[in-house]
């Protein structure tokens, strides 16, 4: 395949998977923007909200360890990806039928489970295409499209709340983008049955396991995950103290997703030029979201959600791109799986602690969040010093 044709092909592949993520994010991020208040409406406490959000992430990331390993062993990347998306998306409209917060919690965890099944395989396929166009830019472009959906989803839900004022109606309408996502995914499977052929093969360094740089890097990202408050807890805070009205909660989430998309594109370009210092810069910017959203009024909460979105944009783009750059293609499914499992475990523990702390002291939540995110910086610096580049 000629270089120009290959460049066009890999771009089309990334954009097509980006469209899948766009429709998928309309579905589950639209739902996510109201799950905190929805659980509260159904009778859940702040601790319960923190547990459900954290445990959902634990399952959603922990299972990626298995999913990533299985994808590398079986090479059934498409089958695993399609199965995961189906579970991930079908669970969302079913939330409209939840009669109590326990049932809603089970469906929320099912949605995260589907995401766990499909992400390592999808990221491994993306890594093949993005090597040609630049891992940072490729993952950043995919994340930007992903976040366009994440921005539209909450806006759609907000419009529904303005019209009907019903959370259940919002969940039911999300069946439409779920169907579009699955349809687009099947089209991508038909057009690109062998994504690994999109990567130009170069001699690679043989290693028995994952490098020390990789493990240090995973630890650094894990510290950020532990200190990063999940949106359901933030939304719960907005609802409880009336910092933000019910209609404005999904709008602020949508604004955060817009900042996520913009940050992913900017950081993606910068990452391909400068590497891990860009990750450090993004982490320093994002770590101050907590005092703004938990201690401020509407204006500061607005700014805090923008910073929260910047951090999420970095976590979902360049923090994944770094893995693709230091791990050989044969081990990327496993590497993404281990990375996400560790991230999810620490996200769960952090969410549980943050929910517990919230019931005791909101300033304590802020202190815990800022300190843990800040502690990732020296770990990233150490990881960059131990980096072993793999072609």
Protein backbone atom coordinates (compact mmCIF):
# COMPACT_ATOMS: atom_id res chain seq x y z
CA UNK A 1 0.00 0.00 0.00
CA UNK A 2 1.47 3.37 -1.07
CA UNK A 3 2.21 5.88 1.68
CA UNK A 4 -0.38 8.48 0.55
CA UNK A 5 -3.07 5.86 0.20
CA UNK A 6 -2.12 4.43 3.59
CA UNK A 7 -2.34 7.86 5.20
CA UNK A 8 -5.83 8.33 3.80
CA UNK A 9 -6.89 4.83 4.82
CA UNK A 10 -5.71 5.14 8.42
CA UNK A 11 -7.35 8.56 8.74
CA UNK A 12 -10.66 7.13 7.49
CA UNK A 13 -10.36 4.25 9.94
CA UNK A 14 -9.70 6.55 12.90
CA UNK A 15 -12.59 8.81 11.88
CA UNK A 16 -14.95 5.86 11.50
CA UNK A 17 -14.10 4.56 14.97
CA UNK A 18 -14.42 8.16 16.13
CA UNK A 19 -18.00 8.22 14.83
CA UNK A 20 -18.73 5.03 16.74
CA UNK A 21 -17.42 6.68 19.89
CA UNK A 22 -19.35 9.86 19.12
CA UNK A 23 -22.70 8.03 19.00
CA UNK A 24 -21.73 5.82 21.95
CA UNK A 25 -20.81 8.83 24.07
CA UNK A 26 -24.07 10.56 23.26
CA UNK A 27 -25.64 7.46 24.79
CA UNK A 28 -23.70 6.77 27.97
CA UNK A 29 -22.34 10.24 28.70
CA UNK A 30 -25.83 11.64 28.27
CA UNK A 31 -26.91 9.12 30.88
CA UNK A 32 -23.87 9.74 33.08
CA UNK A 33 -24.73 13.45 33.30
CA UNK A 34 -27.86 12.60 35.33
CA UNK A 35 -27.03 9.33 37.09
CA UNK A 36 -25.88 11.13 40.26
CA UNK A 37 -29.13 13.09 40.73
CA UNK A 38 -31.11 10.05 39.50
CA UNK A 39 -29.59 7.85 42.21
CA UNK A 40 -30.28 10.58 44.77
CA UNK A 41 -33.89 10.77 43.56
CA UNK A 42 -34.19 7.00 44.02
CA UNK A 43 -32.93 7.30 47.61
CA UNK A 44 -29.16 6.72 47.44
CA UNK A 45 -26.78 8.46 49.88
CA UNK A 46 -23.54 10.25 48.91
CA UNK A 47 -21.57 7.21 50.09
CA UNK A 48 -23.74 4.98 47.89
CA UNK A 49 -23.25 7.29 44.91
CA UNK A 50 -19.49 7.26 45.45
CA UNK A 51 -19.50 3.48 45.81
CA UNK A 52 -21.59 2.87 42.68
CA UNK A 53 -19.49 5.27 40.59
CA UNK A 54 -16.24 3.85 41.94
CA UNK A 55 -17.26 0.20 41.77
CA UNK A 56 -18.53 0.72 38.23
CA UNK A 57 -15.12 2.07 37.29
CA UNK A 58 -13.41 -0.79 39.15
CA UNK A 59 -15.36 -3.37 37.14
CA UNK A 60 -15.07 -1.27 34.00
CA UNK A 61 -11.31 -1.03 34.24
CA UNK A 62 -10.47 -4.22 36.14
CA UNK A 63 -12.02 -6.47 33.50
CA UNK A 64 -9.84 -4.81 30.88
CA UNK A 65 -6.90 -6.76 32.28
CA UNK A 66 -8.63 -9.96 31.16
CA UNK A 67 -10.08 -8.48 27.99
CA UNK A 68 -6.74 -7.10 26.86
CA UNK A 69 -4.93 -10.38 27.50
CA UNK A 70 -7.63 -12.38 25.68
CA UNK A 71 -7.54 -10.02 22.70
CA UNK A 72 -3.77 -10.44 22.32
CA UNK A 73 -4.01 -14.23 22.63
CA UNK A 74 -7.00 -14.78 20.35
CA UNK A 75 -6.50 -11.81 17.99
CA UNK A 76 -10.33 -11.55 17.91
CA UNK A 77 -10.21 -7.79 18.29
CA UNK A 78 -13.37 -7.09 16.32
CA UNK A 79 -15.51 -9.78 17.99
CA UNK A 80 -14.50 -8.59 21.46
CA UNK A 81 -15.05 -4.94 20.55
CA UNK A 82 -18.53 -5.53 19.11
CA UNK A 83 -19.62 -7.63 22.10
CA UNK A 84 -18.45 -4.96 24.53
CA UNK A 85 -20.19 -2.14 22.71
CA UNK A 86 -23.47 -4.09 22.63
CA UNK A 87 -23.47 -4.61 26.41
CA UNK A 88 -22.22 -1.08 27.04
CA UNK A 89 -24.95 0.60 25.02
CA UNK A 90 -28.01 -1.55 25.66
CA UNK A 91 -27.73 -1.06 29.44
CA UNK A 92 -28.29 2.70 29.15
CA UNK A 93 -31.91 2.92 27.87
CA UNK A 94 -32.84 0.16 30.33
CA UNK A 95 -32.19 2.68 33.13
CA UNK A 96 -35.58 4.15 32.23
CA UNK A 97 -37.14 0.99 33.68
CA UNK A 98 -35.22 1.01 37.00
CA UNK A 99 -37.62 1.01 39.93
CA UNK A 100 -35.06 1.64 42.69
CA UNK A 101 -31.47 2.77 43.07
CA UNK A 102 -30.15 -0.79 43.42
CA UNK A 103 -31.47 -1.78 39.98
CA UNK A 104 -30.12 1.46 38.51
CA UNK A 105 -26.74 0.72 40.09
CA UNK A 106 -26.66 -2.76 38.50
CA UNK A 107 -27.37 -1.29 35.06
CA UNK A 108 -24.72 1.39 35.55
CA UNK A 109 -22.19 -1.31 36.41
CA UNK A 110 -23.31 -3.38 33.37
CA UNK A 111 -22.66 -0.35 31.16
CA UNK A 112 -19.13 -0.06 32.57
CA UNK A 113 -18.64 -3.82 32.09
CA UNK A 114 -19.36 -3.54 28.38
CA UNK A 115 -16.89 -0.70 28.10
CA UNK A 116 -14.30 -2.87 29.86
CA UNK A 117 -14.74 -5.66 27.35
CA UNK A 118 -14.32 -3.51 24.25
CA UNK A 119 -11.76 -0.83 25.12
CA UNK A 120 -8.41 -2.73 25.06
CA UNK A 121 -9.26 -4.34 21.71
CA UNK A 122 -10.44 -1.06 20.24
CA UNK A 123 -7.36 0.81 21.52
CA UNK A 124 -5.07 -1.89 20.13
CA UNK A 125 -6.72 -1.48 16.72
CA UNK A 126 -6.39 2.30 16.98
CA UNK A 127 -2.71 2.00 17.88
CA UNK A 128 -2.02 0.26 14.56
CA UNK A 129 -3.55 3.11 12.58
CA UNK A 130 -2.22 5.98 14.70
CA UNK A 131 1.43 4.99 14.38
CA UNK A 132 1.38 6.28 10.81
CA UNK A 133 -0.33 9.61 11.67
CA UNK A 134 1.26 10.09 15.13
CA UNK A 135 -0.04 8.38 18.25
CA UNK A 136 -0.76 11.67 20.03
CA UNK A 137 -2.68 13.19 17.13
CA UNK A 138 -4.49 9.94 16.29
CA UNK A 139 -5.68 9.26 19.82
CA UNK A 140 -6.38 12.98 20.26
CA UNK A 141 -8.56 13.07 17.12
CA UNK A 142 -10.45 9.99 18.27
CA UNK A 143 -10.94 11.48 21.72
CA UNK A 144 -12.13 14.79 20.24
CA UNK A 145 -14.83 13.01 18.23
CA UNK A 146 -15.64 10.94 21.30
CA UNK A 147 -16.14 14.10 23.31
CA UNK A 148 -18.31 15.75 20.68
CA UNK A 149 -20.72 12.95 21.50
CA UNK A 150 -20.08 13.41 25.20
CA UNK A 151 -20.98 17.08 24.78
CA UNK A 152 -24.12 16.42 22.72
CA UNK A 153 -25.45 13.70 25.03
CA UNK A 154 -25.88 15.91 28.12
CA UNK A 155 -27.35 18.71 25.95
CA UNK A 156 -29.95 16.30 24.59
CA UNK A 157 -30.78 15.13 28.11
CA UNK A 158 -30.95 18.73 29.33
CA UNK A 159 -33.40 19.59 26.53
CA UNK A 160 -35.54 16.60 27.51
CA UNK A 161 -35.54 17.71 31.15
CA UNK A 162 -36.65 21.17 30.07
CA UNK A 163 -39.42 19.66 27.97
CA UNK A 164 -40.67 16.80 30.14
CA UNK A 165 -38.68 17.11 33.35
CA UNK A 166 -38.25 13.33 33.45
CA UNK A 167 -35.01 11.42 33.92
CA UNK A 168 -36.69 8.24 32.63
CA UNK A 169 -37.63 9.90 29.33
CA UNK A 170 -34.02 11.01 28.94
CA UNK A 171 -32.71 7.47 29.33
CA UNK A 172 -35.30 6.09 26.89
CA UNK A 173 -34.44 8.57 24.10
CA UNK A 174 -30.78 7.50 24.31
CA UNK A 175 -31.76 4.25 22.59
CA UNK A 176 -31.48 6.12 19.25
CA UNK A 177 -27.74 7.00 19.39
CA UNK A 178 -27.05 3.53 20.82
CA UNK A 179 -28.50 2.00 17.65
CA UNK A 180 -26.48 4.38 15.43
CA UNK A 181 -23.25 3.49 17.26
CA UNK A 182 -23.73 -0.24 16.79
CA UNK A 183 -24.63 0.20 13.12
CA UNK A 184 -21.53 2.31 12.43
CA UNK A 185 -19.37 -0.22 14.26
CA UNK A 186 -20.58 -3.04 12.02
CA UNK A 187 -19.83 -0.91 8.95
CA UNK A 188 -16.28 -0.35 10.24
CA UNK A 189 -15.87 -4.09 10.76
CA UNK A 190 -16.97 -4.74 7.17
CA UNK A 191 -14.65 -2.13 5.64
CA UNK A 192 -11.57 -2.83 7.80
CA UNK A 193 -11.54 -6.50 8.84
CA UNK A 194 -7.73 -6.48 9.46
CA UNK A 195 -6.73 -3.25 11.26
CA UNK A 196 -3.26 -4.55 12.09
CA UNK A 197 -2.40 -4.29 8.38
CA UNK A 198 -2.64 -0.49 8.73
CA UNK A 199 0.60 -0.33 10.73
CA UNK A 200 3.89 -0.16 8.86
CA UNK A 201 6.03 -2.82 10.49
CA UNK A 202 9.49 -1.86 11.74
CA UNK A 203 12.03 -3.94 13.68
CA UNK A 204 11.01 -4.00 17.33
CA UNK A 205 12.96 -4.52 20.50
CA UNK A 206 12.25 -7.94 22.00
CA UNK A 207 11.34 -7.77 25.67
CA UNK A 208 10.16 -10.44 28.07
CA UNK A 209 7.73 -8.17 29.83
CA UNK A 210 6.59 -4.61 30.17
CA UNK A 211 9.29 -2.03 30.84
CA UNK A 212 10.05 -0.24 34.10
CA UNK A 213 9.07 3.03 32.42
CA UNK A 214 5.67 1.51 31.68
CA UNK A 215 5.07 0.47 35.31
CA UNK A 216 6.17 3.84 36.70
CA UNK A 217 3.91 5.57 34.22
CA UNK A 218 0.94 3.39 35.19
CA UNK A 219 1.54 4.32 38.83
CA UNK A 220 1.56 8.03 37.98
CA UNK A 221 -1.72 7.84 36.08
CA UNK A 222 -3.17 5.73 38.89
CA UNK A 223 -2.47 8.48 41.42
CA UNK A 224 -4.39 10.92 39.24
CA UNK A 225 -7.27 8.45 38.99
CA UNK A 226 -7.42 8.03 42.78
CA UNK A 227 -7.69 11.76 43.33
CA UNK A 228 -10.07 12.53 40.46
CA UNK A 229 -13.66 13.01 41.62
CA UNK A 230 -16.13 11.28 39.33
CA UNK A 231 -18.91 13.42 37.89
CA UNK A 232 -21.79 11.68 39.73
CA UNK A 233 -20.31 12.90 43.05
CA UNK A 234 -19.80 16.40 41.63
CA UNK A 235 -23.38 16.43 40.33
CA UNK A 236 -24.59 15.16 43.69
CA UNK A 237 -22.83 18.13 45.32
CA UNK A 238 -24.39 20.57 42.86
CA UNK A 239 -27.86 19.15 43.55
CA UNK A 240 -27.46 19.01 47.32
CA UNK A 241 -26.26 22.59 47.79
CA UNK A 242 -28.20 24.03 44.82
CA UNK A 243 -24.91 25.39 43.45
CA UNK A 244 -26.22 24.51 40.01
CA UNK A 245 -29.85 24.00 38.99
CA UNK A 246 -31.13 20.62 37.78
CA UNK A 247 -31.23 21.78 34.16
CA UNK A 248 -27.72 23.30 34.31
CA UNK A 249 -26.04 20.16 35.69
CA UNK A 250 -25.96 18.31 32.32
CA UNK A 251 -25.09 21.58 30.56
CA UNK A 252 -21.99 22.00 32.73
CA UNK A 253 -21.09 18.40 32.01
CA UNK A 254 -21.47 19.13 28.29
CA UNK A 255 -19.17 22.14 28.63
CA UNK A 256 -16.61 19.94 30.37
CA UNK A 257 -16.81 17.49 27.47
CA UNK A 258 -16.22 20.34 25.01
CA UNK A 259 -13.07 21.37 26.90
CA UNK A 260 -12.10 17.67 26.92
CA UNK A 261 -12.32 17.53 23.10
CA UNK A 262 -10.35 20.75 22.56
CA UNK A 263 -7.70 19.71 25.09
CA UNK A 264 -7.32 16.28 23.43
CA UNK A 265 -6.55 17.86 20.04
CA UNK A 266 -4.13 20.44 21.43
CA UNK A 267 -2.35 18.03 23.76
CA UNK A 268 -2.26 15.39 21.00
CA UNK A 269 -0.25 17.64 18.69
CA UNK A 270 2.02 18.81 21.51
CA UNK A 271 2.56 15.25 22.74
CA UNK A 272 3.87 14.05 19.36
CA UNK A 273 6.50 16.81 19.59
CA UNK A 274 7.42 16.81 23.29
CA UNK A 275 6.21 13.58 24.91
CA UNK A 276 5.61 13.17 28.63
CA UNK A 277 6.20 16.84 29.63
CA UNK A 278 2.85 17.56 27.97
CA UNK A 279 1.19 14.98 30.24
CA UNK A 280 2.76 16.71 33.25
CA UNK A 281 1.53 20.10 32.04
CA UNK A 282 -2.02 18.78 31.59
CA UNK A 283 -1.97 17.23 35.06
CA UNK A 284 -0.85 20.49 36.67
CA UNK A 285 -3.64 22.43 34.94
CA UNK A 286 -6.38 19.94 35.84
CA UNK A 287 -5.52 19.34 39.49
CA UNK A 288 -7.16 22.58 40.63
CA UNK A 289 -10.67 21.61 39.52
CA UNK A 290 -11.56 20.23 42.99
CA UNK A 291 -11.48 23.48 45.05
CA UNK A 292 -13.44 25.24 42.32
CA UNK A 293 -16.29 22.73 41.97
CA UNK A 294 -16.62 21.79 45.65
CA UNK A 295 -15.96 25.12 47.36
CA UNK A 296 -17.08 27.76 44.87
CA UNK A 297 -20.36 29.17 43.65
CA UNK A 298 -21.74 28.85 40.14
CA UNK A 299 -19.00 30.88 38.40
CA UNK A 300 -16.14 28.99 40.03
CA UNK A 301 -17.94 25.68 39.49
CA UNK A 302 -18.20 26.60 35.81
CA UNK A 303 -14.44 27.18 35.61
CA UNK A 304 -13.79 24.04 37.65
CA UNK A 305 -15.75 21.90 35.20
CA UNK A 306 -13.65 23.27 32.33
CA UNK A 307 -10.48 22.22 34.18
CA UNK A 308 -12.09 18.86 35.00
CA UNK A 309 -12.73 18.38 31.28
CA UNK A 310 -9.12 19.30 30.43
CA UNK A 311 -7.91 16.57 32.76
CA UNK A 312 -10.30 14.00 31.31
CA UNK A 313 -9.16 14.95 27.80
CA UNK A 314 -5.56 14.22 28.74
CA UNK A 315 -6.45 10.95 30.46
CA UNK A 316 -8.40 9.67 27.47
CA UNK A 317 -5.97 10.74 24.72
CA UNK A 318 -2.29 11.37 25.36
CA UNK A 319 -2.17 9.16 28.45
CA UNK A 320 -3.26 6.29 26.20
CA UNK A 321 -0.99 7.43 23.37
CA UNK A 322 2.08 7.13 25.62
CA UNK A 323 1.37 3.40 26.06
CA UNK A 324 1.29 2.87 22.28
CA UNK A 325 4.72 4.49 22.00
CA UNK A 326 6.59 2.35 24.54
CA UNK A 327 4.98 -1.08 24.05
CA UNK A 328 5.46 -3.37 21.05
CA UNK A 329 2.40 -4.07 18.89
CA UNK A 330 2.21 -7.71 20.00
CA UNK A 331 1.67 -6.70 23.64
CA UNK A 332 -0.51 -3.63 23.34
CA UNK A 333 -3.80 -5.35 24.16
CA UNK A 334 -2.27 -6.65 27.38
CA UNK A 335 -0.54 -3.32 28.11
CA UNK A 336 -3.77 -1.34 27.66
CA UNK A 337 -5.58 -3.92 29.79
CA UNK A 338 -3.08 -3.72 32.67
CA UNK A 339 -2.98 0.07 32.42
CA UNK A 340 -6.76 0.36 32.57
CA UNK A 341 -7.16 -2.25 35.31
CA UNK A 342 -4.72 -0.38 37.56
CA UNK A 343 -6.36 2.93 36.70
CA UNK A 344 -9.78 1.50 37.51
CA UNK A 345 -8.73 -0.06 40.82
CA UNK A 346 -7.27 3.22 42.04
CA UNK A 347 -10.25 5.16 40.64
CA UNK A 348 -12.56 2.88 42.64
CA UNK A 349 -10.61 3.25 45.86
CA UNK A 350 -10.33 6.99 45.35
CA UNK A 351 -14.05 7.38 44.56
CA UNK A 352 -15.01 5.36 47.62
CA UNK A 353 -12.74 7.45 49.85
CA UNK A 354 -13.95 10.70 48.30
CA UNK A 355 -17.60 9.71 48.81
CA UNK A 356 -16.89 8.77 52.43
CA UNK A 357 -14.95 12.00 53.01
CA UNK A 358 -17.75 14.04 51.46
CA UNK A 359 -20.15 12.89 54.18
CA UNK A 360 -17.59 14.09 56.75
CA UNK A 361 -15.90 17.20 55.33
CA UNK A 362 -15.95 18.78 51.88
CA UNK A 363 -12.59 20.59 52.38
CA UNK A 364 -11.09 17.18 53.16
CA UNK A 365 -12.30 15.98 49.75
CA UNK A 366 -10.54 18.92 48.10
CA UNK A 367 -7.28 18.36 49.98
CA UNK A 368 -7.22 14.63 49.17
CA UNK A 369 -7.91 15.29 45.48
CA UNK A 370 -5.24 17.95 44.99
CA UNK A 371 -2.52 16.11 46.94
CA UNK A 372 -2.94 12.82 45.10
CA UNK A 373 -2.97 14.41 41.67
CA UNK A 374 0.07 16.51 42.54
CA UNK A 375 1.98 13.43 43.69
CA UNK A 376 1.84 12.03 40.15
CA UNK A 377 4.25 14.66 38.83
CA UNK A 378 7.51 13.28 40.33
CA UNK A 379 6.46 9.78 39.26
CA UNK A 380 6.01 10.95 35.65
CA UNK A 381 9.42 12.61 35.77
CA UNK A 382 10.97 9.35 36.96
CA UNK A 383 9.13 7.40 34.26
CA UNK A 384 10.42 9.71 31.53
CA UNK A 385 13.95 9.15 32.76
CA UNK A 386 13.49 5.38 32.47
CA UNK A 387 11.68 5.44 29.13
CA UNK A 388 12.50 2.63 26.71
CA UNK A 389 11.23 3.61 23.28
CA UNK A 390 9.85 0.73 21.18
CA UNK A 391 9.19 1.02 17.48
